[in-house]
PDB file of N, CA and C in Angstrom:
ATOM      1  N   UNK A   1      46.794 107.058 106.250  1.00  0.00           N
ATOM      2  CA  UNK A   1      45.911 108.216 106.263  1.00  0.00           C
ATOM      3  C   UNK A   1      44.803 108.052 105.233  1.00  0.00           C
ATOM      4  N   UNK A   2      43.682 108.722 105.495  1.00  0.00           N
ATOM      5  CA  UNK A   2      42.549 108.675 104.570  1.00  0.00           C
ATOM      6  C   UNK A   2      42.744 109.683 103.457  1.00  0.00           C
ATOM      7  N   UNK A   3      42.382 109.299 102.248  1.00  0.00           N
ATOM      8  CA  UNK A   3      42.436 110.293 101.182  1.00  0.00           C
ATOM      9  C   UNK A   3      41.120 111.052 101.142  1.00  0.00           C
ATOM     10  N   UNK A   4      41.108 112.167 100.456  1.00  0.00           N
ATOM     11  CA  UNK A   4      39.913 113.014 100.405  1.00  0.00           C
ATOM     12  C   UNK A   4      38.724 112.314  99.762  1.00  0.00           C
ATOM     13  N   UNK A   5      38.972 111.407  98.828  1.00  0.00           N
ATOM     14  CA  UNK A   5      37.873 110.683  98.188  1.00  0.00           C
ATOM     15  C   UNK A   5      37.113 109.820  99.171  1.00  0.00           C
ATOM     16  N   UNK A   6      37.831 109.097 100.011  1.00  0.00           N
ATOM     17  CA  UNK A   6      37.192 108.240 101.013  1.00  0.00           C
ATOM     18  C   UNK A   6      36.453 109.082 102.044  1.00  0.00           C
ATOM     19  N   UNK A   7      37.090 110.141 102.513  1.00  0.00           N
ATOM     20  CA  UNK A   7      36.449 111.007 103.509  1.00  0.00           C
ATOM     21  C   UNK A   7      35.195 111.641 102.927  1.00  0.00           C
ATOM     22  N   UNK A   8      35.252 112.061 101.670  1.00  0.00           N
ATOM     23  CA  UNK A   8      34.090 112.663 101.018  1.00  0.00           C
ATOM     24  C   UNK A   8      32.938 111.695 100.897  1.00  0.00           C
ATOM     25  N   UNK A   9      33.242 110.434 100.562  1.00  0.00           N
ATOM     26  CA  UNK A   9      32.187 109.415 100.469  1.00  0.00           C
ATOM     27  C   UNK A   9      31.587 109.154 101.845  1.00  0.00           C
ATOM     28  N   UNK A  10      32.423 109.118 102.884  1.00  0.00           N
ATOM     29  CA  UNK A  10      31.928 108.904 104.242  1.00  0.00           C
ATOM     30  C   UNK A  10      30.992 110.026 104.669  1.00  0.00           C
ATOM     31  N   UNK A  11      31.357 111.268 104.353  1.00  0.00           N
ATOM     32  CA  UNK A  11      30.499 112.398 104.700  1.00  0.00           C
ATOM     33  C   UNK A  11      29.190 112.352 103.932  1.00  0.00           C
ATOM     34  N   UNK A  12      29.244 111.950 102.678  1.00  0.00           N
ATOM     35  CA  UNK A  12      28.020 111.830 101.889  1.00  0.00           C
ATOM     36  C   UNK A  12      27.123 110.748 102.460  1.00  0.00           C
ATOM     37  N   UNK A  13      27.711 109.629 102.860  1.00  0.00           N
ATOM     38  CA  UNK A  13      26.926 108.540 103.448  1.00  0.00           C
ATOM     39  C   UNK A  13      26.292 108.982 104.764  1.00  0.00           C
ATOM     40  N   UNK A  14      27.043 109.720 105.574  1.00  0.00           N
ATOM     41  CA  UNK A  14      26.516 110.205 106.845  1.00  0.00           C
ATOM     42  C   UNK A  14      25.394 111.218 106.612  1.00  0.00           C
ATOM     43  N   UNK A  15      25.572 112.095 105.628  1.00  0.00           N
ATOM     44  CA  UNK A  15      24.528 113.075 105.307  1.00  0.00           C
ATOM     45  C   UNK A  15      23.263 112.374 104.843  1.00  0.00           C
ATOM     46  N   UNK A  16      23.418 111.331 104.034  1.00  0.00           N
ATOM     47  CA  UNK A  16      22.256 110.576 103.558  1.00  0.00           C
ATOM     48  C   UNK A  16      21.562 109.882 104.726  1.00  0.00           C
ATOM     49  N   UNK A  17      22.356 109.312 105.632  1.00  0.00           N
ATOM     50  CA  UNK A  17      21.778 108.655 106.811  1.00  0.00           C
ATOM     51  C   UNK A  17      21.010 109.674 107.650  1.00  0.00           C
ATOM     52  N   UNK A  18      21.560 110.865 107.816  1.00  0.00           N
ATOM     53  CA  UNK A  18      20.900 111.901 108.610  1.00  0.00           C
ATOM     54  C   UNK A  18      19.570 112.313 107.994  1.00  0.00           C
ATOM     55  N   UNK A  19      19.505 112.347 106.679  1.00  0.00           N
ATOM     56  CA  UNK A  19      18.253 112.712 105.997  1.00  0.00           C
ATOM     57  C   UNK A  19      17.179 111.649 106.158  1.00  0.00           C
ATOM     58  N   UNK A  20      17.587 110.390 106.329  1.00  0.00           N
ATOM     59  CA  UNK A  20      16.646 109.275 106.326  1.00  0.00           C
ATOM     60  C   UNK A  20      16.367 108.685 107.700  1.00  0.00           C
ATOM     61  N   UNK A  21      16.716 109.396 108.751  1.00  0.00           N
ATOM     62  CA  UNK A  21      16.503 108.861 110.088  1.00  0.00           C
ATOM     63  C   UNK A  21      15.445 109.663 110.837  1.00  0.00           C
ATOM     64  N   UNK A  22      14.904 109.062 111.869  1.00  0.00           N
ATOM     65  CA  UNK A  22      13.947 109.765 112.715  1.00  0.00           C
ATOM     66  C   UNK A  22      14.646 110.462 113.881  1.00  0.00           C
ATOM     67  N   UNK A  23      15.982 110.398 113.941  1.00  0.00           N
ATOM     68  CA  UNK A  23      16.759 111.056 114.989  1.00  0.00           C
ATOM     69  C   UNK A  23      16.647 112.571 114.841  1.00  0.00           C
ATOM     70  N   UNK A  24      16.373 113.256 115.950  1.00  0.00           N
ATOM     71  CA  UNK A  24      16.273 114.716 115.944  1.00  0.00           C
ATOM     72  C   UNK A  24      16.796 115.236 117.280  1.00  0.00           C
ATOM     73  N   UNK A  25      16.884 116.549 117.409  1.00  0.00           N
ATOM     74  CA  UNK A  25      17.333 117.145 118.664  1.00  0.00           C
ATOM     75  C   UNK A  25      16.427 116.711 119.811  1.00  0.00           C
ATOM     76  N   UNK A  26      15.142 116.600 119.547  1.00  0.00           N
ATOM     77  CA  UNK A  26      14.200 116.176 120.587  1.00  0.00           C
ATOM     78  C   UNK A  26      14.471 114.731 121.035  1.00  0.00           C
ATOM     79  N   UNK A  27      15.115 113.937 120.182  1.00  0.00           N
ATOM     80  CA  UNK A  27      15.425 112.548 120.520  1.00  0.00           C
ATOM     81  C   UNK A  27      16.491 112.446 121.599  1.00  0.00           C
ATOM     82  N   UNK A  28      17.367 113.451 121.686  1.00  0.00           N
ATOM     83  CA  UNK A  28      18.468 113.393 122.640  1.00  0.00           C
ATOM     84  C   UNK A  28      18.268 114.343 123.820  1.00  0.00           C
ATOM     85  N   UNK A  29      17.106 114.990 123.871  1.00  0.00           N
ATOM     86  CA  UNK A  29      16.798 115.865 125.000  1.00  0.00           C
ATOM     87  C   UNK A  29      15.569 115.364 125.733  1.00  0.00           C
ATOM     88  N   UNK A  30      15.415 115.860 126.947  1.00  0.00           N
ATOM     89  CA  UNK A  30      14.305 115.446 127.790  1.00  0.00           C
ATOM     90  C   UNK A  30      13.590 116.700 128.304  1.00  0.00           C
ATOM     91  N   UNK A  31      13.001 117.430 127.363  1.00  0.00           N
ATOM     92  CA  UNK A  31      12.311 118.656 127.729  1.00  0.00           C
ATOM     93  C   UNK A  31      13.275 119.817 127.868  1.00  0.00           C
ATOM     94  N   UNK A  32      12.771 120.910 128.452  1.00  0.00           N
ATOM     95  CA  UNK A  32      13.577 122.118 128.637  1.00  0.00           C
ATOM     96  C   UNK A  32      13.425 122.613 130.062  1.00  0.00           C
ATOM     97  N   UNK A  33      14.434 123.343 130.506  1.00  0.00           N
ATOM     98  CA  UNK A  33      14.368 123.967 131.832  1.00  0.00           C
ATOM     99  C   UNK A  33      13.419 125.153 131.774  1.00  0.00           C
ATOM    100  N   UNK A  34      13.185 125.768 132.933  1.00  0.00           N
ATOM    101  CA  UNK A  34      12.307 126.934 132.968  1.00  0.00           C
ATOM    102  C   UNK A  34      12.874 128.104 132.162  1.00  0.00           C
ATOM    103  N   UNK A  35      14.168 128.087 131.876  1.00  0.00           N
ATOM    104  CA  UNK A  35      14.802 129.122 131.053  1.00  0.00           C
ATOM    105  C   UNK A  35      14.806 128.763 129.570  1.00  0.00           C
ATOM    106  N   UNK A  36      14.248 127.605 129.233  1.00  0.00           N
ATOM    107  CA  UNK A  36      14.191 127.191 127.839  1.00  0.00           C
ATOM    108  C   UNK A  36      15.423 126.458 127.352  1.00  0.00           C
ATOM    109  N   UNK A  37      16.285 126.056 128.280  1.00  0.00           N
ATOM    110  CA  UNK A  37      17.509 125.342 127.912  1.00  0.00           C
ATOM    111  C   UNK A  37      17.205 123.849 127.864  1.00  0.00           C
ATOM    112  N   UNK A  38      17.556 123.175 126.754  1.00  0.00           N
ATOM    113  CA  UNK A  38      17.284 121.732 126.649  1.00  0.00           C
ATOM    114  C   UNK A  38      17.990 120.943 127.752  1.00  0.00           C
ATOM    115  N   UNK A  39      17.299 119.927 128.267  1.00  0.00           N
ATOM    116  CA  UNK A  39      17.888 119.035 129.258  1.00  0.00           C
ATOM    117  C   UNK A  39      18.282 117.750 128.547  1.00  0.00           C
ATOM    118  N   UNK A  40      19.511 117.310 128.776  1.00  0.00           N
ATOM    119  CA  UNK A  40      20.031 116.124 128.102  1.00  0.00           C
ATOM    120  C   UNK A  40      19.355 114.873 128.648  1.00  0.00           C
ATOM    121  N   UNK A  41      19.001 113.988 127.730  1.00  0.00           N
ATOM    122  CA  UNK A  41      18.414 112.702 128.096  1.00  0.00           C
ATOM    123  C   UNK A  41      19.543 111.750 128.480  1.00  0.00           C
ATOM    124  N   UNK A  42      19.428 111.113 129.648  1.00  0.00           N
ATOM    125  CA  UNK A  42      20.416 110.112 130.056  1.00  0.00           C
ATOM    126  C   UNK A  42      20.085 108.802 129.365  1.00  0.00           C
ATOM    127  N   UNK A  43      21.092 108.190 128.789  1.00  0.00           N
ATOM    128  CA  UNK A  43      20.887 106.941 128.039  1.00  0.00           C
ATOM    129  C   UNK A  43      21.634 105.817 128.736  1.00  0.00           C
ATOM    130  N   UNK A  44      20.894 104.815 129.204  1.00  0.00           N
ATOM    131  CA  UNK A  44      21.493 103.658 129.869  1.00  0.00           C
ATOM    132  C   UNK A  44      22.132 102.694 128.876  1.00  0.00           C
ATOM    133  N   UNK A  45      21.449 102.428 127.788  1.00  0.00           N
ATOM    134  CA  UNK A  45      21.891 101.413 126.821  1.00  0.00           C
ATOM    135  C   UNK A  45      21.966 102.056 125.440  1.00  0.00           C
ATOM    136  N   UNK A  46      23.161 102.423 125.011  1.00  0.00           N
ATOM    137  CA  UNK A  46      23.324 103.140 123.754  1.00  0.00           C
ATOM    138  C   UNK A  46      22.892 102.290 122.561  1.00  0.00           C
ATOM    139  N   UNK A  47      23.124 100.982 122.620  1.00  0.00           N
ATOM    140  CA  UNK A  47      22.696 100.093 121.539  1.00  0.00           C
ATOM    141  C   UNK A  47      21.190 100.080 121.386  1.00  0.00           C
ATOM    142  N   UNK A  48      20.500  99.962 122.497  1.00  0.00           N
ATOM    143  CA  UNK A  48      19.030  99.970 122.481  1.00  0.00           C
ATOM    144  C   UNK A  48      18.508 101.322 122.000  1.00  0.00           C
ATOM    145  N   UNK A  49      19.157 102.406 122.433  1.00  0.00           N
ATOM    146  CA  UNK A  49      18.765 103.747 122.004  1.00  0.00           C
ATOM    147  C   UNK A  49      18.947 103.889 120.492  1.00  0.00           C
ATOM    148  N   UNK A  50      20.078 103.448 119.969  1.00  0.00           N
ATOM    149  CA  UNK A  50      20.347 103.539 118.522  1.00  0.00           C
ATOM    150  C   UNK A  50      19.325 102.736 117.733  1.00  0.00           C
ATOM    151  N   UNK A  51      18.935 101.589 118.236  1.00  0.00           N
ATOM    152  CA  UNK A  51      17.966 100.721 117.556  1.00  0.00           C
ATOM    153  C   UNK A  51      16.544 101.288 117.612  1.00  0.00           C
ATOM    154  N   UNK A  52      16.299 102.273 118.477  1.00  0.00           N
ATOM    155  CA  UNK A  52      14.953 102.823 118.611  1.00  0.00           C
ATOM    156  C   UNK A  52      14.573 103.739 117.443  1.00  0.00           C
ATOM    157  N   UNK A  53      15.529 104.046 116.579  1.00  0.00           N
ATOM    158  CA  UNK A  53      15.264 104.904 115.425  1.00  0.00           C
ATOM    159  C   UNK A  53      15.035 104.073 114.184  1.00  0.00           C
ATOM    160  N   UNK A  54      14.350 104.689 113.224  1.00  0.00           N
ATOM    161  CA  UNK A  54      14.047 103.985 111.988  1.00  0.00           C
ATOM    162  C   UNK A  54      14.628 104.756 110.820  1.00  0.00           C
ATOM    163  N   UNK A  55      15.647 104.254 110.164  1.00  0.00           N
ATOM    164  CA  UNK A  55      16.450 103.069 110.485  1.00  0.00           C
ATOM    165  C   UNK A  55      17.324 103.338 111.712  1.00  0.00           C
ATOM    166  N   UNK A  56      17.894 102.285 112.305  1.00  0.00           N
ATOM    167  CA  UNK A  56      18.740 102.465 113.482  1.00  0.00           C
ATOM    168  C   UNK A  56      19.849 103.479 113.219  1.00  0.00           C
ATOM    169  N   UNK A  57      20.139 104.300 114.202  1.00  0.00           N
ATOM    170  CA  UNK A  57      21.157 105.350 114.069  1.00  0.00           C
ATOM    171  C   UNK A  57      22.549 104.774 114.258  1.00  0.00           C
ATOM    172  N   UNK A  58      23.483 105.249 113.453  1.00  0.00           N
ATOM    173  CA  UNK A  58      24.878 104.824 113.600  1.00  0.00           C
ATOM    174  C   UNK A  58      25.520 105.611 114.743  1.00  0.00           C
ATOM    175  N   UNK A  59      26.656 105.117 115.210  1.00  0.00           N
ATOM    176  CA  UNK A  59      27.393 105.810 116.265  1.00  0.00           C
ATOM    177  C   UNK A  59      27.774 107.214 115.815  1.00  0.00           C
ATOM    178  N   UNK A  60      28.182 107.354 114.558  1.00  0.00           N
ATOM    179  CA  UNK A  60      28.580 108.662 114.037  1.00  0.00           C
ATOM    180  C   UNK A  60      27.422 109.658 114.070  1.00  0.00           C
ATOM    181  N   UNK A  61      26.239 109.185 113.734  1.00  0.00           N
ATOM    182  CA  UNK A  61      25.072 110.058 113.728  1.00  0.00           C
ATOM    183  C   UNK A  61      24.705 110.477 115.153  1.00  0.00           C
ATOM    184  N   UNK A  62      24.781 109.556 116.096  1.00  0.00           N
ATOM    185  CA  UNK A  62      24.493 109.884 117.496  1.00  0.00           C
ATOM    186  C   UNK A  62      25.525 110.865 118.051  1.00  0.00           C
ATOM    187  N   UNK A  63      26.786 110.643 117.728  1.00  0.00           N
ATOM    188  CA  UNK A  63      27.836 111.558 118.177  1.00  0.00           C
ATOM    189  C   UNK A  63      27.588 112.947 117.605  1.00  0.00           C
ATOM    190  N   UNK A  64      27.188 113.013 116.346  1.00  0.00           N
ATOM    191  CA  UNK A  64      26.883 114.296 115.719  1.00  0.00           C
ATOM    192  C   UNK A  64      25.734 115.003 116.413  1.00  0.00           C
ATOM    193  N   UNK A  65      24.702 114.264 116.772  1.00  0.00           N
ATOM    194  CA  UNK A  65      23.545 114.867 117.451  1.00  0.00           C
ATOM    195  C   UNK A  65      23.959 115.436 118.800  1.00  0.00           C
ATOM    196  N   UNK A  66      24.757 114.687 119.551  1.00  0.00           N
ATOM    197  CA  UNK A  66      25.210 115.179 120.848  1.00  0.00           C
ATOM    198  C   UNK A  66      26.221 116.309 120.701  1.00  0.00           C
ATOM    199  N   UNK A  67      27.006 116.303 119.640  1.00  0.00           N
ATOM    200  CA  UNK A  67      27.934 117.410 119.381  1.00  0.00           C
ATOM    201  C   UNK A  67      27.160 118.687 119.088  1.00  0.00           C
ATOM    202  N   UNK A  68      26.088 118.568 118.312  1.00  0.00           N
ATOM    203  CA  UNK A  68      25.230 119.731 118.046  1.00  0.00           C
ATOM    204  C   UNK A  68      24.628 120.264 119.339  1.00  0.00           C
ATOM    205  N   UNK A  69      24.166 119.372 120.184  1.00  0.00           N
ATOM    206  CA  UNK A  69      23.584 119.780 121.454  1.00  0.00           C
ATOM    207  C   UNK A  69      24.641 120.449 122.338  1.00  0.00           C
ATOM    208  N   UNK A  70      25.847 119.901 122.342  1.00  0.00           N
ATOM    209  CA  UNK A  70      26.934 120.488 123.119  1.00  0.00           C
ATOM    210  C   UNK A  70      27.223 121.912 122.641  1.00  0.00           C
ATOM    211  N   UNK A  71      27.206 122.108 121.334  1.00  0.00           N
ATOM    212  CA  UNK A  71      27.426 123.449 120.769  1.00  0.00           C
ATOM    213  C   UNK A  71      26.351 124.418 121.251  1.00  0.00           C
ATOM    214  N   UNK A  72      25.117 123.944 121.319  1.00  0.00           N
ATOM    215  CA  UNK A  72      24.029 124.800 121.813  1.00  0.00           C
ATOM    216  C   UNK A  72      24.244 125.163 123.281  1.00  0.00           C
ATOM    217  N   UNK A  73      24.703 124.191 124.082  1.00  0.00           N
ATOM    218  CA  UNK A  73      24.986 124.468 125.491  1.00  0.00           C
ATOM    219  C   UNK A  73      26.100 125.495 125.636  1.00  0.00           C
ATOM    220  N   UNK A  74      27.125 125.393 124.801  1.00  0.00           N
ATOM    221  CA  UNK A  74      28.220 126.354 124.854  1.00  0.00           C
ATOM    222  C   UNK A  74      27.714 127.753 124.486  1.00  0.00           C
ATOM    223  N   UNK A  75      26.810 127.839 123.526  1.00  0.00           N
ATOM    224  CA  UNK A  75      26.233 129.138 123.146  1.00  0.00           C
ATOM    225  C   UNK A  75      25.406 129.707 124.300  1.00  0.00           C
ATOM    226  N   UNK A  76      24.628 128.857 124.972  1.00  0.00           N
ATOM    227  CA  UNK A  76      23.853 129.311 126.145  1.00  0.00           C
ATOM    228  C   UNK A  76      24.808 129.818 127.226  1.00  0.00           C
ATOM    229  N   UNK A  77      25.867 129.057 127.460  1.00  0.00           N
ATOM    230  CA  UNK A  77      26.845 129.425 128.477  1.00  0.00           C
ATOM    231  C   UNK A  77      27.467 130.781 128.165  1.00  0.00           C
ATOM    232  N   UNK A  78      27.864 130.988 126.922  1.00  0.00           N
ATOM    233  CA  UNK A  78      28.462 132.249 126.527  1.00  0.00           C
ATOM    234  C   UNK A  78      27.470 133.401 126.676  1.00  0.00           C
ATOM    235  N   UNK A  79      26.223 133.164 126.292  1.00  0.00           N
ATOM    236  CA  UNK A  79      25.188 134.182 126.419  1.00  0.00           C
ATOM    237  C   UNK A  79      24.969 134.558 127.881  1.00  0.00           C
ATOM    238  N   UNK A  80      24.913 133.569 128.762  1.00  0.00           N
ATOM    239  CA  UNK A  80      24.726 133.835 130.182  1.00  0.00           C
ATOM    240  C   UNK A  80      25.925 134.578 130.767  1.00  0.00           C
ATOM    241  N   UNK A  81      27.121 134.206 130.329  1.00  0.00           N
ATOM    242  CA  UNK A  81      28.335 134.883 130.824  1.00  0.00           C
ATOM    243  C   UNK A  81      28.318 136.349 130.419  1.00  0.00           C
ATOM    244  N   UNK A  82      27.895 136.649 129.211  1.00  0.00           N
ATOM    245  CA  UNK A  82      27.848 138.036 128.744  1.00  0.00           C
ATOM    246  C   UNK A  82      26.801 138.852 129.497  1.00  0.00           C
ATOM    247  N   UNK A  83      25.684 138.198 129.854  1.00  0.00           N
ATOM    248  CA  UNK A  83      24.644 138.910 130.601  1.00  0.00           C
ATOM    249  C   UNK A  83      25.107 139.257 132.008  1.00  0.00           C
ATOM    250  N   UNK A  84      25.989 138.445 132.581  1.00  0.00           N
ATOM    251  CA  UNK A  84      26.473 138.674 133.951  1.00  0.00           C
ATOM    252  C   UNK A  84      27.462 139.830 134.012  1.00  0.00           C
ATOM    253  N   UNK A  85      28.100 140.144 132.898  1.00  0.00           N
ATOM    254  CA  UNK A  85      29.084 141.241 132.881  1.00  0.00           C
ATOM    255  C   UNK A  85      28.392 142.513 132.849  1.00  0.00           C
TER     256      UNK A  85
END
């Protein structure tokens, strides 16, 4: 198992990487629908996509970006469900 010291250093390294990258929400979306909901960008080659950022994005950073986007989709879904009731 990982100790808290190692996990803390990993989170700090990831936070530093996030501050120093050109990766943003717009990097993983392809515009918005007519309702303003972001459309996910389909990625054929994840390695090439990661290398397109300066500096190249790590797998953890890309997963985090898509996790954030997924959270936004879940919020949209919940909002739409509440409006239908």
